[in-house]
């Protein structure tokens, strides 16, 4: 039986490969929060709900492209 691939496994597979967006994917609320210095609750309850937010949810998992996340925060700051 095939087990679903975890975000970490996918990141390891894709590491070093060209990315279409030119930016790495940050998976999970805690990882996104850690990258920008906030908690996972803030990412889910506030940041992800902002209009134009780069934080997306797919299959119950949150992710963001790092470059888009940083650009979004700079534009808001």
N, C-alpha and C. Protein backbone atom coordinates (compact mmCIF):
# COMPACT_ATOMS: atom_id res chain seq x y z
N UNK A 1 0.83 -1.18 0.00
CA UNK A 1 0.00 0.00 0.00
C UNK A 1 0.88 1.25 0.00
N UNK A 2 0.54 2.19 -0.85
CA UNK A 2 1.29 3.44 -0.91
C UNK A 2 0.85 4.38 0.19
N UNK A 3 1.84 4.93 0.87
CA UNK A 3 1.55 5.92 1.91
C UNK A 3 1.69 7.31 1.31
N UNK A 4 0.87 8.26 1.77
CA UNK A 4 0.99 9.63 1.25
C UNK A 4 2.37 10.21 1.56
N UNK A 5 2.83 11.04 0.67
CA UNK A 5 4.12 11.69 0.86
C UNK A 5 3.96 12.88 1.80
N UNK A 6 4.87 13.02 2.71
CA UNK A 6 4.84 14.16 3.63
C UNK A 6 5.45 15.38 2.94
N UNK A 7 5.12 16.58 3.43
CA UNK A 7 5.74 17.78 2.86
C UNK A 7 7.26 17.75 2.96
N UNK A 8 7.77 17.19 4.05
CA UNK A 8 9.22 17.12 4.23
C UNK A 8 9.87 16.20 3.20
N UNK A 9 9.20 15.07 2.89
CA UNK A 9 9.72 14.17 1.87
C UNK A 9 9.75 14.85 0.51
N UNK A 10 8.68 15.57 0.19
CA UNK A 10 8.63 16.28 -1.09
C UNK A 10 9.73 17.33 -1.16
N UNK A 11 9.93 18.07 -0.08
CA UNK A 11 10.99 19.09 -0.07
C UNK A 11 12.36 18.45 -0.31
N UNK A 12 12.62 17.29 0.30
CA UNK A 12 13.90 16.60 0.10
C UNK A 12 14.06 16.17 -1.37
N UNK A 13 12.99 15.69 -1.97
CA UNK A 13 13.04 15.26 -3.36
C UNK A 13 13.31 16.45 -4.27
N UNK A 14 12.64 17.57 -3.99
CA UNK A 14 12.76 18.74 -4.86
C UNK A 14 14.00 19.58 -4.59
N UNK A 15 14.67 19.33 -3.48
CA UNK A 15 15.85 20.13 -3.12
C UNK A 15 16.87 20.08 -4.25
N UNK A 16 17.32 21.24 -4.64
CA UNK A 16 18.31 21.33 -5.69
C UNK A 16 17.74 21.34 -7.10
N UNK A 17 16.47 21.10 -7.24
CA UNK A 17 15.82 21.12 -8.55
C UNK A 17 15.31 22.53 -8.80
N UNK A 18 15.27 22.96 -10.05
CA UNK A 18 14.74 24.30 -10.34
C UNK A 18 13.28 24.39 -9.93
N UNK A 19 12.92 25.51 -9.36
CA UNK A 19 11.54 25.73 -8.93
C UNK A 19 10.86 26.67 -9.91
N UNK A 20 9.63 26.37 -10.20
CA UNK A 20 8.90 27.19 -11.16
C UNK A 20 8.76 28.62 -10.68
N UNK A 21 8.54 28.81 -9.40
CA UNK A 21 8.33 30.16 -8.89
C UNK A 21 9.64 30.83 -8.49
N UNK A 22 10.72 30.07 -8.44
CA UNK A 22 12.00 30.62 -7.99
C UNK A 22 12.07 30.76 -6.48
N UNK A 23 11.15 30.15 -5.77
CA UNK A 23 11.08 30.28 -4.32
C UNK A 23 10.77 28.93 -3.70
N UNK A 24 11.31 28.68 -2.53
CA UNK A 24 11.02 27.41 -1.87
C UNK A 24 9.65 27.44 -1.21
N UNK A 25 9.07 26.28 -1.05
CA UNK A 25 7.78 26.16 -0.39
C UNK A 25 8.00 25.94 1.09
N UNK A 26 7.31 26.69 1.91
CA UNK A 26 7.33 26.49 3.36
C UNK A 26 6.03 25.79 3.72
N UNK A 27 6.14 24.58 4.26
CA UNK A 27 4.96 23.79 4.64
C UNK A 27 4.71 23.91 6.12
N UNK A 28 3.50 23.88 6.52
CA UNK A 28 2.97 23.85 7.90
C UNK A 28 2.92 25.24 8.53
N UNK A 29 1.91 25.42 9.35
CA UNK A 29 1.75 26.69 10.07
C UNK A 29 2.95 27.02 10.95
N UNK A 30 3.47 26.05 11.73
CA UNK A 30 4.63 26.38 12.57
C UNK A 30 5.84 26.83 11.76
N UNK A 31 6.08 26.19 10.61
CA UNK A 31 7.25 26.56 9.80
C UNK A 31 7.08 27.95 9.19
N UNK A 32 5.88 28.26 8.74
CA UNK A 32 5.62 29.59 8.19
C UNK A 32 5.80 30.64 9.29
N UNK A 33 5.22 30.36 10.45
CA UNK A 33 5.36 31.27 11.57
C UNK A 33 6.80 31.47 12.01
N UNK A 34 7.55 30.38 12.05
CA UNK A 34 8.95 30.47 12.45
C UNK A 34 9.73 31.35 11.48
N UNK A 35 9.44 31.24 10.20
CA UNK A 35 10.16 32.02 9.19
C UNK A 35 9.95 33.52 9.36
N UNK A 36 8.76 33.91 9.84
CA UNK A 36 8.47 35.35 9.96
C UNK A 36 8.37 35.82 11.41
N UNK A 37 8.63 34.92 12.36
CA UNK A 37 8.71 35.32 13.76
C UNK A 37 7.38 35.45 14.48
N UNK A 38 6.41 34.63 14.10
CA UNK A 38 5.11 34.63 14.78
C UNK A 38 4.69 33.19 15.05
N UNK A 39 3.63 33.03 15.80
CA UNK A 39 3.13 31.70 16.11
C UNK A 39 2.21 31.15 15.03
N UNK A 40 1.99 29.84 15.05
CA UNK A 40 1.13 29.22 14.05
C UNK A 40 -0.32 29.71 14.10
N UNK A 41 -0.81 30.06 15.28
CA UNK A 41 -2.18 30.57 15.39
C UNK A 41 -2.34 31.89 14.64
N UNK A 42 -1.34 32.75 14.74
CA UNK A 42 -1.38 34.03 14.02
C UNK A 42 -1.40 33.79 12.51
N UNK A 43 -0.60 32.84 12.05
CA UNK A 43 -0.56 32.55 10.62
C UNK A 43 -1.93 32.08 10.15
N UNK A 44 -2.52 31.13 10.86
CA UNK A 44 -3.82 30.57 10.47
C UNK A 44 -4.96 31.56 10.63
N UNK A 45 -5.03 32.21 11.80
CA UNK A 45 -6.19 33.03 12.14
C UNK A 45 -6.14 34.46 11.60
N UNK A 46 -4.97 34.95 11.29
CA UNK A 46 -4.84 36.33 10.84
C UNK A 46 -4.24 36.42 9.44
N UNK A 47 -3.03 35.96 9.30
CA UNK A 47 -2.31 36.14 8.04
C UNK A 47 -3.00 35.42 6.88
N UNK A 48 -3.40 34.18 7.07
CA UNK A 48 -4.02 33.41 5.98
C UNK A 48 -5.35 34.00 5.54
N UNK A 49 -5.98 34.79 6.39
CA UNK A 49 -7.30 35.36 6.08
C UNK A 49 -7.23 36.75 5.44
N UNK A 50 -6.02 37.29 5.31
CA UNK A 50 -5.86 38.60 4.69
C UNK A 50 -6.08 38.50 3.18
N UNK A 51 -6.69 39.52 2.62
CA UNK A 51 -6.88 39.54 1.18
C UNK A 51 -5.52 39.49 0.47
N UNK A 52 -5.40 38.60 -0.48
CA UNK A 52 -4.17 38.46 -1.24
C UNK A 52 -3.07 37.71 -0.51
N UNK A 53 -3.39 37.09 0.61
CA UNK A 53 -2.39 36.38 1.41
C UNK A 53 -1.75 35.25 0.60
N UNK A 54 -0.42 35.11 0.71
CA UNK A 54 0.25 34.01 0.03
C UNK A 54 0.13 32.68 0.79
N UNK A 55 -0.43 32.72 1.98
CA UNK A 55 -0.62 31.49 2.77
C UNK A 55 -1.87 30.79 2.24
N UNK A 56 -1.68 29.58 1.76
CA UNK A 56 -2.75 28.80 1.16
C UNK A 56 -2.93 27.48 1.90
N UNK A 57 -4.09 26.89 1.71
CA UNK A 57 -4.38 25.59 2.32
C UNK A 57 -4.77 24.62 1.22
N UNK A 58 -4.19 23.45 1.28
CA UNK A 58 -4.54 22.39 0.34
C UNK A 58 -4.58 21.07 1.09
N UNK A 59 -5.68 20.38 1.02
CA UNK A 59 -5.80 19.11 1.71
C UNK A 59 -5.62 19.22 3.21
N UNK A 60 -6.02 20.36 3.78
CA UNK A 60 -5.88 20.55 5.21
C UNK A 60 -4.48 20.95 5.66
N UNK A 61 -3.57 21.16 4.72
CA UNK A 61 -2.19 21.58 5.04
C UNK A 61 -1.95 22.97 4.51
N UNK A 62 -1.28 23.76 5.32
CA UNK A 62 -0.97 25.13 4.93
C UNK A 62 0.43 25.19 4.33
N UNK A 63 0.58 26.11 3.37
CA UNK A 63 1.88 26.31 2.75
C UNK A 63 1.97 27.74 2.23
N UNK A 64 3.18 28.17 1.94
CA UNK A 64 3.41 29.46 1.31
C UNK A 64 4.74 29.40 0.57
N UNK A 65 4.81 30.08 -0.55
CA UNK A 65 6.09 30.23 -1.22
C UNK A 65 6.83 31.35 -0.49
N UNK A 66 8.05 31.06 -0.10
CA UNK A 66 8.82 31.98 0.73
C UNK A 66 8.92 33.37 0.11
N UNK A 67 9.25 33.43 -1.15
CA UNK A 67 9.41 34.73 -1.82
C UNK A 67 8.11 35.53 -1.80
N UNK A 68 6.99 34.85 -2.06
CA UNK A 68 5.68 35.52 -2.04
C UNK A 68 5.33 36.01 -0.64
N UNK A 69 5.65 35.20 0.36
CA UNK A 69 5.36 35.55 1.75
C UNK A 69 6.12 36.82 2.15
N UNK A 70 7.41 36.85 1.87
CA UNK A 70 8.23 38.00 2.23
C UNK A 70 7.77 39.25 1.47
N UNK A 71 7.48 39.10 0.18
CA UNK A 71 7.01 40.24 -0.62
C UNK A 71 5.69 40.79 -0.07
N UNK A 72 4.78 39.89 0.29
CA UNK A 72 3.48 40.28 0.85
C UNK A 72 3.67 41.09 2.13
N UNK A 73 4.53 40.61 3.01
CA UNK A 73 4.75 41.30 4.28
C UNK A 73 5.44 42.65 4.07
N UNK A 74 6.37 42.71 3.14
CA UNK A 74 7.04 44.00 2.87
C UNK A 74 6.06 45.02 2.32
N UNK A 75 5.15 44.58 1.48
CA UNK A 75 4.17 45.50 0.88
C UNK A 75 3.19 46.00 1.93
N UNK A 76 2.93 45.20 2.95
CA UNK A 76 1.98 45.57 4.00
C UNK A 76 2.64 46.43 5.07
N UNK A 77 3.96 46.36 5.18
CA UNK A 77 4.67 47.02 6.26
C UNK A 77 4.92 48.44 5.94
